[in-house]
Structures are given as C-alpha cells and as structure tokens.
Amino acid sequence: MKTPERNQLFTASDNQYVLSAEKEAQLKALLIQVAASAPYKVLQSTEQIVNEVIFESDVDGVQYYVVRSTPKFQEKINLSPREQAIAKLVAQGFPNKSIGIHLDISHWTVATHLRRIFVKLGVTSRTAMIARVLEENLLHE
C-alpha cells in the first residue's frame, strides 16, 4: 500500500510542477498582452512619473492591479518652423505629395521631416503625432 501512496505523492508533485509551468506560461502570455494594451486609468501622476493601471482583476475577493510606471517628459519639445508647417498640413489631412507641393519641397523631404517629428514626439503614426502636437500646443500661429 505504501507504493501506491508514494506514486500518488510523486504524481501530485509532478502535477504541481506541471501546473506551475502552465501558470508561468499563462502569466507570460498575459504580461505580453498587458504590455501591449493601452492604460485605462491613471492611478497616480506626479511631476516625474505617471502610474497607469493597465490590468485589474478580482480573485477571491482580492483586488489585483498591474500598474505601468512611466517617466513624464521633462524636456520641452521644440519643432522647427518647417516641422510646424508640415505638422499643420498633416493635421489638415494633406498627404506627403500635397504637403511637398504646398511647401515647394519634395515628398521625400516631407517624409524625412515627419520621421524627425515622430522621434521628437515619441510617436509612430500621423494620428499620434497630431494628438501629441495638439496636447503639447506646439502649433504656434
């Protein structure tokens, strides 16, 4: 009788190890999804840092939060007059070729300016650029 109990103990501990590995894999998959998601609630915001809730769950009456802490941008963003002109035209919905014609530069030069604007603002799309430019009030009249 000791042998079946012993086997059961090994089986139970083996199952625990398998469950732990499964839980770890699930947790890793969850963290990948959570890292890519947008925050839905700012938990705390100071001059130096912003804490955003990116996942919230209730398990057995206990609240769990995954919080992303990101530093706030400290330096002032300065766009050159040409970059401001291009940003304004992008905000008005013009494509690169039309912007180039309007400013008397090639559409390749427009694309180069846009890449530089994206880097300065820390964005990856025209829409995000427009939102950030408006948020930072960078389009001076």
N, C-alpha and C. Protein backbone atom coordinates (compact mmCIF):
# COMPACT_ATOMS: atom_id res chain seq x y z
N MET A 1 0.80 -1.19 0.00
CA MET A 1 0.00 0.00 0.00
C MET A 1 0.85 1.27 0.00
N LYS A 2 2.03 1.17 0.53
CA LYS A 2 2.91 2.33 0.54
C LYS A 2 3.32 2.72 -0.87
N THR A 3 3.45 1.75 -1.73
CA THR A 3 3.87 2.06 -3.10
C THR A 3 2.84 2.92 -3.82
N PRO A 4 1.50 2.61 -3.79
CA PRO A 4 0.55 3.50 -4.45
C PRO A 4 0.55 4.89 -3.86
N GLU A 5 0.64 5.00 -2.51
CA GLU A 5 0.68 6.32 -1.90
C GLU A 5 1.89 7.10 -2.39
N ARG A 6 3.00 6.37 -2.45
CA ARG A 6 4.23 7.01 -2.89
C ARG A 6 4.08 7.48 -4.35
N ASN A 7 3.50 6.63 -5.18
CA ASN A 7 3.27 7.02 -6.56
C ASN A 7 2.32 8.21 -6.64
N GLN A 8 1.32 8.19 -5.79
CA GLN A 8 0.39 9.31 -5.78
C GLN A 8 1.10 10.61 -5.37
N LEU A 9 2.01 10.50 -4.41
CA LEU A 9 2.74 11.69 -4.00
C LEU A 9 3.60 12.21 -5.15
N PHE A 10 4.26 11.30 -5.83
CA PHE A 10 5.08 11.74 -6.96
C PHE A 10 4.19 12.33 -8.05
N THR A 11 3.06 11.69 -8.27
CA THR A 11 2.13 12.20 -9.29
C THR A 11 1.63 13.57 -8.89
N ALA A 12 1.27 13.73 -7.61
CA ALA A 12 0.77 15.02 -7.15
C ALA A 12 1.85 16.09 -7.30
N SER A 13 3.08 15.76 -6.90
CA SER A 13 4.13 16.77 -7.02
C SER A 13 4.45 17.03 -8.48
N ASP A 14 4.40 15.99 -9.32
CA ASP A 14 4.61 16.20 -10.75
C ASP A 14 3.52 17.11 -11.31
N ASN A 15 2.28 16.88 -10.90
CA ASN A 15 1.17 17.72 -11.36
C ASN A 15 1.35 19.16 -10.90
N GLN A 16 1.82 19.33 -9.67
CA GLN A 16 2.06 20.69 -9.19
C GLN A 16 3.12 21.37 -10.04
N TYR A 17 4.16 20.63 -10.40
CA TYR A 17 5.20 21.21 -11.24
C TYR A 17 4.63 21.58 -12.61
N VAL A 18 3.80 20.69 -13.16
CA VAL A 18 3.19 20.96 -14.46
C VAL A 18 2.26 22.17 -14.35
N LEU A 19 1.46 22.21 -13.29
CA LEU A 19 0.58 23.35 -13.10
C LEU A 19 1.38 24.64 -12.96
N SER A 20 2.49 24.58 -12.23
CA SER A 20 3.31 25.77 -12.08
C SER A 20 3.86 26.22 -13.43
N ALA A 21 4.30 25.26 -14.25
CA ALA A 21 4.82 25.61 -15.57
C ALA A 21 3.71 26.18 -16.44
N GLU A 22 2.50 25.60 -16.34
CA GLU A 22 1.36 26.12 -17.10
C GLU A 22 1.00 27.52 -16.63
N LYS A 23 0.97 27.71 -15.32
CA LYS A 23 0.66 29.04 -14.77
C LYS A 23 1.70 30.06 -15.21
N GLU A 24 2.96 29.64 -15.20
CA GLU A 24 4.02 30.54 -15.62
C GLU A 24 3.86 30.92 -17.10
N ALA A 25 3.53 29.95 -17.94
CA ALA A 25 3.32 30.22 -19.37
C ALA A 25 2.12 31.14 -19.57
N GLN A 26 1.04 30.90 -18.81
CA GLN A 26 -0.14 31.76 -18.90
C GLN A 26 0.19 33.17 -18.44
N LEU A 27 0.95 33.28 -17.37
CA LEU A 27 1.32 34.59 -16.85
C LEU A 27 2.17 35.34 -17.86
N LYS A 28 3.11 34.66 -18.50
CA LYS A 28 3.94 35.30 -19.52
C LYS A 28 3.09 35.78 -20.69
N ALA A 29 2.14 34.94 -21.13
CA ALA A 29 1.25 35.34 -22.22
C ALA A 29 0.40 36.54 -21.82
N LEU A 30 -0.09 36.54 -20.59
CA LEU A 30 -0.88 37.66 -20.09
C LEU A 30 -0.06 38.93 -20.04
N LEU A 31 1.19 38.83 -19.57
CA LEU A 31 2.04 40.01 -19.50
C LEU A 31 2.35 40.59 -20.87
N ILE A 32 2.50 39.73 -21.87
CA ILE A 32 2.72 40.22 -23.24
C ILE A 32 1.50 41.00 -23.71
N GLN A 33 0.30 40.47 -23.45
CA GLN A 33 -0.92 41.16 -23.85
C GLN A 33 -1.09 42.47 -23.09
N VAL A 34 -0.82 42.42 -21.80
CA VAL A 34 -0.99 43.61 -20.95
C VAL A 34 0.00 44.70 -21.35
N ALA A 35 1.24 44.32 -21.66
CA ALA A 35 2.25 45.30 -22.03
C ALA A 35 1.86 46.04 -23.31
N ALA A 36 1.15 45.37 -24.19
CA ALA A 36 0.75 45.99 -25.45
C ALA A 36 -0.53 46.80 -25.32
N SER A 37 -1.23 46.65 -24.22
CA SER A 37 -2.52 47.34 -24.09
C SER A 37 -2.35 48.78 -23.63
N ALA A 38 -3.35 49.57 -23.93
CA ALA A 38 -3.35 50.97 -23.52
C ALA A 38 -3.88 51.07 -22.09
N PRO A 39 -3.36 52.00 -21.30
CA PRO A 39 -3.86 52.17 -19.95
C PRO A 39 -5.29 52.68 -19.96
N TYR A 40 -6.06 52.29 -18.96
CA TYR A 40 -7.42 52.79 -18.90
C TYR A 40 -7.68 53.65 -17.67
N LYS A 41 -6.71 53.76 -16.79
CA LYS A 41 -6.92 54.60 -15.61
C LYS A 41 -5.56 55.06 -15.08
N VAL A 42 -5.44 56.35 -14.85
CA VAL A 42 -4.22 56.89 -14.24
C VAL A 42 -4.39 56.76 -12.73
N LEU A 43 -3.49 56.01 -12.12
CA LEU A 43 -3.56 55.77 -10.69
C LEU A 43 -2.94 56.92 -9.91
N GLN A 44 -1.79 57.40 -10.40
CA GLN A 44 -1.08 58.49 -9.74
C GLN A 44 -0.26 59.23 -10.77
N SER A 45 -0.21 60.53 -10.66
CA SER A 45 0.59 61.33 -11.57
C SER A 45 1.32 62.40 -10.77
N THR A 46 2.64 62.38 -10.88
CA THR A 46 3.46 63.40 -10.22
C THR A 46 4.22 64.15 -11.31
N GLU A 47 5.07 65.06 -10.90
CA GLU A 47 5.85 65.82 -11.87
C GLU A 47 6.84 64.93 -12.61
N GLN A 48 7.29 63.84 -11.97
CA GLN A 48 8.31 62.99 -12.57
C GLN A 48 7.76 61.71 -13.21
N ILE A 49 6.64 61.19 -12.70
CA ILE A 49 6.21 59.85 -13.12
C ILE A 49 4.69 59.75 -13.21
N VAL A 50 4.25 58.86 -14.07
CA VAL A 50 2.82 58.57 -14.21
C VAL A 50 2.62 57.08 -13.97
N ASN A 51 1.74 56.72 -13.05
CA ASN A 51 1.39 55.33 -12.79
C ASN A 51 0.01 55.07 -13.39
N GLU A 52 -0.04 54.13 -14.35
CA GLU A 52 -1.27 53.83 -15.06
C GLU A 52 -1.68 52.38 -14.82
N VAL A 53 -2.95 52.15 -14.53
CA VAL A 53 -3.47 50.80 -14.38
C VAL A 53 -3.70 50.25 -15.78
N ILE A 54 -3.05 49.11 -16.08
CA ILE A 54 -3.24 48.51 -17.40
C ILE A 54 -3.98 47.18 -17.31
N PHE A 55 -4.17 46.66 -16.10
CA PHE A 55 -4.96 45.44 -15.91
C PHE A 55 -5.45 45.42 -14.48
N GLU A 56 -6.70 45.02 -14.30
CA GLU A 56 -7.31 44.96 -12.97
C GLU A 56 -8.12 43.68 -12.88
N SER A 57 -8.02 42.97 -11.75
CA SER A 57 -8.77 41.73 -11.59
C SER A 57 -9.12 41.51 -10.13
N ASP A 58 -10.21 40.80 -9.91
CA ASP A 58 -10.64 40.43 -8.57
C ASP A 58 -10.60 38.91 -8.49
N VAL A 59 -9.76 38.37 -7.59
CA VAL A 59 -9.66 36.93 -7.40
C VAL A 59 -9.95 36.63 -5.94
N ASP A 60 -11.02 35.90 -5.72
CA ASP A 60 -11.43 35.52 -4.37
C ASP A 60 -11.52 36.72 -3.43
N GLY A 61 -12.07 37.82 -3.91
CA GLY A 61 -12.28 39.00 -3.10
C GLY A 61 -11.05 39.88 -2.93
N VAL A 62 -9.96 39.54 -3.59
CA VAL A 62 -8.74 40.34 -3.50
C VAL A 62 -8.54 41.04 -4.84
N GLN A 63 -8.35 42.37 -4.77
CA GLN A 63 -8.12 43.15 -5.99
C GLN A 63 -6.66 43.09 -6.38
N TYR A 64 -6.39 42.80 -7.64
CA TYR A 64 -5.04 42.79 -8.18
C TYR A 64 -4.96 43.82 -9.30
N TYR A 65 -3.87 44.58 -9.34
CA TYR A 65 -3.65 45.57 -10.37
C TYR A 65 -2.28 45.35 -10.99
N VAL A 66 -2.21 45.54 -12.29
CA VAL A 66 -0.91 45.63 -12.97
C VAL A 66 -0.76 47.09 -13.33
N VAL A 67 0.28 47.71 -12.80
CA VAL A 67 0.48 49.14 -12.96
C VAL A 67 1.77 49.38 -13.75
N ARG A 68 1.67 50.26 -14.75
CA ARG A 68 2.85 50.64 -15.53
C ARG A 68 3.28 52.03 -15.07
N SER A 69 4.54 52.15 -14.68
CA SER A 69 5.10 53.44 -14.28
C SER A 69 5.98 53.96 -15.40
N THR A 70 5.67 55.15 -15.87
CA THR A 70 6.47 55.75 -16.94
C THR A 70 6.87 57.16 -16.54
N PRO A 71 8.10 57.54 -16.89
CA PRO A 71 8.52 58.90 -16.57
C PRO A 71 7.83 59.90 -17.48
N LYS A 72 7.52 61.05 -16.93
CA LYS A 72 6.96 62.12 -17.75
C LYS A 72 8.08 62.77 -18.55
N PHE A 73 7.72 63.30 -19.70
CA PHE A 73 8.70 64.00 -20.50
C PHE A 73 9.03 65.31 -19.79
N GLN A 74 10.31 65.51 -19.53
CA GLN A 74 10.74 66.70 -18.82
C GLN A 74 11.18 67.83 -19.74
N GLU A 75 11.80 67.45 -20.85
CA GLU A 75 12.32 68.49 -21.71
C GLU A 75 11.25 69.04 -22.64
N LYS A 76 11.38 70.30 -22.93
CA LYS A 76 10.47 70.99 -23.82
C LYS A 76 10.71 70.53 -25.24
N ILE A 77 9.64 70.21 -25.93
CA ILE A 77 9.75 69.78 -27.33
C ILE A 77 9.70 71.01 -28.21
N ASN A 78 10.71 71.16 -29.05
CA ASN A 78 10.77 72.29 -29.96
C ASN A 78 10.74 71.78 -31.39
N LEU A 79 9.75 72.20 -32.13
CA LEU A 79 9.69 71.90 -33.56
C LEU A 79 10.18 73.12 -34.33
N SER A 80 10.96 72.84 -35.36
CA SER A 80 11.43 73.94 -36.21
C SER A 80 10.23 74.54 -36.95
N PRO A 81 10.38 75.74 -37.50
CA PRO A 81 9.27 76.33 -38.27
C PRO A 81 8.81 75.43 -39.41
N ARG A 82 9.75 74.76 -40.10
CA ARG A 82 9.38 73.85 -41.19
C ARG A 82 8.60 72.65 -40.65
N GLU A 83 9.05 72.10 -39.51
CA GLU A 83 8.34 70.97 -38.90
C GLU A 83 6.94 71.39 -38.45
N GLN A 84 6.81 72.60 -37.91
CA GLN A 84 5.49 73.10 -37.54
C GLN A 84 4.58 73.23 -38.75
N ALA A 85 5.12 73.74 -39.85
CA ALA A 85 4.32 73.89 -41.07
C ALA A 85 3.85 72.53 -41.58
N ILE A 86 4.75 71.56 -41.56
CA ILE A 86 4.39 70.21 -42.01
C ILE A 86 3.36 69.60 -41.07
N ALA A 87 3.54 69.76 -39.76
CA ALA A 87 2.58 69.22 -38.80
C ALA A 87 1.19 69.83 -39.00
N LYS A 88 1.13 71.13 -39.27
CA LYS A 88 -0.16 71.78 -39.53
C LYS A 88 -0.84 71.18 -40.74
N LEU A 89 -0.08 70.97 -41.81
CA LEU A 89 -0.66 70.42 -43.03
C LEU A 89 -1.08 68.96 -42.84
N VAL A 90 -0.32 68.21 -42.08
CA VAL A 90 -0.72 66.83 -41.76
C VAL A 90 -2.02 66.85 -40.97
N ALA A 91 -2.12 67.77 -40.00
CA ALA A 91 -3.34 67.89 -39.20
C ALA A 91 -4.56 68.26 -40.05
N GLN A 92 -4.31 68.95 -41.17
CA GLN A 92 -5.40 69.30 -42.07
C GLN A 92 -5.73 68.17 -43.04
N GLY A 93 -4.97 67.08 -42.98
CA GLY A 93 -5.29 65.90 -43.77
C GLY A 93 -4.55 65.78 -45.09
N PHE A 94 -3.54 66.61 -45.33
CA PHE A 94 -2.81 66.56 -46.59
C PHE A 94 -1.84 65.37 -46.62
N PRO A 95 -1.73 64.68 -47.76
CA PRO A 95 -0.71 63.64 -47.91
C PRO A 95 0.65 64.28 -48.19
N ASN A 96 1.71 63.48 -48.11
CA ASN A 96 3.07 63.99 -48.28
C ASN A 96 3.27 64.72 -49.60
N LYS A 97 2.73 64.19 -50.69
CA LYS A 97 2.93 64.84 -52.00
C LYS A 97 2.31 66.23 -52.01
N SER A 98 1.11 66.36 -51.47
CA SER A 98 0.46 67.67 -51.43
C SER A 98 1.20 68.64 -50.52
N ILE A 99 1.71 68.14 -49.41
CA ILE A 99 2.49 68.98 -48.50
C ILE A 99 3.74 69.47 -49.23
N GLY A 100 4.40 68.57 -49.95
CA GLY A 100 5.59 68.94 -50.70
C GLY A 100 5.31 70.02 -51.73
N ILE A 101 4.20 69.87 -52.45
CA ILE A 101 3.83 70.87 -53.46
C ILE A 101 3.55 72.21 -52.79
N HIS A 102 2.81 72.17 -51.68
CA HIS A 102 2.44 73.40 -50.96
C HIS A 102 3.68 74.13 -50.43
N LEU A 103 4.67 73.38 -49.94
CA LEU A 103 5.87 73.99 -49.33
C LEU A 103 7.04 74.08 -50.31
N ASP A 104 6.82 73.62 -51.52
CA ASP A 104 7.85 73.65 -52.57
C ASP A 104 9.09 72.84 -52.17
N ILE A 105 8.84 71.63 -51.63
CA ILE A 105 9.89 70.67 -51.32
C ILE A 105 9.44 69.31 -51.83
N SER A 106 10.36 68.35 -51.93
CA SER A 106 9.98 67.02 -52.42
C SER A 106 9.21 66.26 -51.34
N HIS A 107 8.43 65.28 -51.78
CA HIS A 107 7.69 64.47 -50.80
C HIS A 107 8.65 63.63 -49.97
N TRP A 108 9.86 63.35 -50.49
CA TRP A 108 10.87 62.64 -49.71
C TRP A 108 11.37 63.51 -48.55
N THR A 109 11.50 64.78 -48.79
CA THR A 109 11.91 65.71 -47.74
C THR A 109 10.82 65.81 -46.68
N VAL A 110 9.57 65.81 -47.13
CA VAL A 110 8.44 65.82 -46.18
C VAL A 110 8.51 64.58 -45.29
N ALA A 111 8.75 63.41 -45.91
CA ALA A 111 8.85 62.16 -45.14
C ALA A 111 9.99 62.22 -44.13
N THR A 112 11.12 62.81 -44.53
CA THR A 112 12.25 62.94 -43.61
C THR A 112 11.88 63.82 -42.42
N HIS A 113 11.23 64.95 -42.70
CA HIS A 113 10.79 65.82 -41.60
C HIS A 113 9.81 65.09 -40.68
N LEU A 114 8.89 64.33 -41.27
CA LEU A 114 7.92 63.59 -40.45
C LEU A 114 8.62 62.58 -39.55
N ARG A 115 9.60 61.86 -40.07
CA ARG A 115 10.34 60.91 -39.23
C ARG A 115 11.01 61.62 -38.06
N ARG A 116 11.58 62.79 -38.33
CA ARG A 116 12.24 63.55 -37.25
C ARG A 116 11.21 64.05 -36.22
N ILE A 117 10.05 64.47 -36.71
CA ILE A 117 8.98 64.89 -35.79
C ILE A 117 8.53 63.72 -34.93
N PHE A 118 8.36 62.54 -35.55
CA PHE A 118 7.95 61.35 -34.81
C PHE A 118 8.93 61.05 -33.68
N VAL A 119 10.22 61.12 -33.98
CA VAL A 119 11.24 60.85 -32.96
C VAL A 119 11.16 61.87 -31.83
N LYS A 120 11.05 63.14 -32.18
CA LYS A 120 10.97 64.20 -31.16
C LYS A 120 9.77 64.01 -30.25
N LEU A 121 8.64 63.58 -30.83
CA LEU A 121 7.41 63.45 -30.05
C LEU A 121 7.25 62.06 -29.43
N GLY A 122 8.06 61.10 -29.86
CA GLY A 122 7.95 59.74 -29.34
C GLY A 122 6.70 59.04 -29.81
N VAL A 123 6.33 59.23 -31.07
CA VAL A 123 5.13 58.61 -31.65
C VAL A 123 5.53 57.80 -32.88
N THR A 124 4.55 57.03 -33.40
CA THR A 124 4.84 56.19 -34.55
C THR A 124 3.81 56.33 -35.67
N SER A 125 2.88 57.25 -35.54
CA SER A 125 1.88 57.42 -36.58
C SER A 125 1.51 58.90 -36.72
N ARG A 126 0.91 59.22 -37.86
CA ARG A 126 0.47 60.60 -38.10
C ARG A 126 -0.60 61.00 -37.10
N THR A 127 -1.52 60.09 -36.82
CA THR A 127 -2.60 60.38 -35.87
C THR A 127 -2.04 60.67 -34.48
N ALA A 128 -1.11 59.83 -34.02
CA ALA A 128 -0.50 60.05 -32.71
C ALA A 128 0.29 61.35 -32.70
N MET A 129 0.92 61.68 -33.83
CA MET A 129 1.67 62.93 -33.93
C MET A 129 0.73 64.12 -33.75
N ILE A 130 -0.40 64.09 -34.45
CA ILE A 130 -1.36 65.19 -34.36
C ILE A 130 -1.86 65.34 -32.92
N ALA A 131 -2.20 64.22 -32.31
CA ALA A 131 -2.69 64.26 -30.93
C ALA A 131 -1.64 64.85 -30.00
N ARG A 132 -0.40 64.43 -30.15
CA ARG A 132 0.68 64.92 -29.28
C ARG A 132 0.97 66.39 -29.52
N VAL A 133 0.97 66.80 -30.79
CA VAL A 133 1.22 68.21 -31.13
C VAL A 133 0.14 69.10 -30.52
N LEU A 134 -1.11 68.66 -30.60
CA LEU A 134 -2.21 69.44 -30.01
C LEU A 134 -2.13 69.43 -28.49
N GLU A 135 -1.80 68.29 -27.93
CA GLU A 135 -1.67 68.16 -26.47
C GLU A 135 -0.57 69.07 -25.92
N GLU A 136 0.53 69.16 -26.63
CA GLU A 136 1.67 69.98 -26.19
C GLU A 136 1.58 71.42 -26.69
N ASN A 137 0.54 71.71 -27.45
CA ASN A 137 0.31 73.06 -28.01
C ASN A 137 1.55 73.55 -28.79
N LEU A 138 1.99 72.71 -29.74
CA LEU A 138 3.20 73.01 -30.48
C LEU A 138 2.94 73.73 -31.81
N LEU A 139 1.70 73.91 -32.18
CA LEU A 139 1.38 74.59 -33.44
C LEU A 139 1.10 76.06 -33.15
N HIS A 140 2.14 76.85 -33.19
CA HIS A 140 2.02 78.28 -32.92
C HIS A 140 1.54 78.99 -34.18
N GLU A 141 0.66 79.93 -33.99
CA GLU A 141 0.13 80.68 -35.14
C GLU A 141 1.08 81.79 -35.53
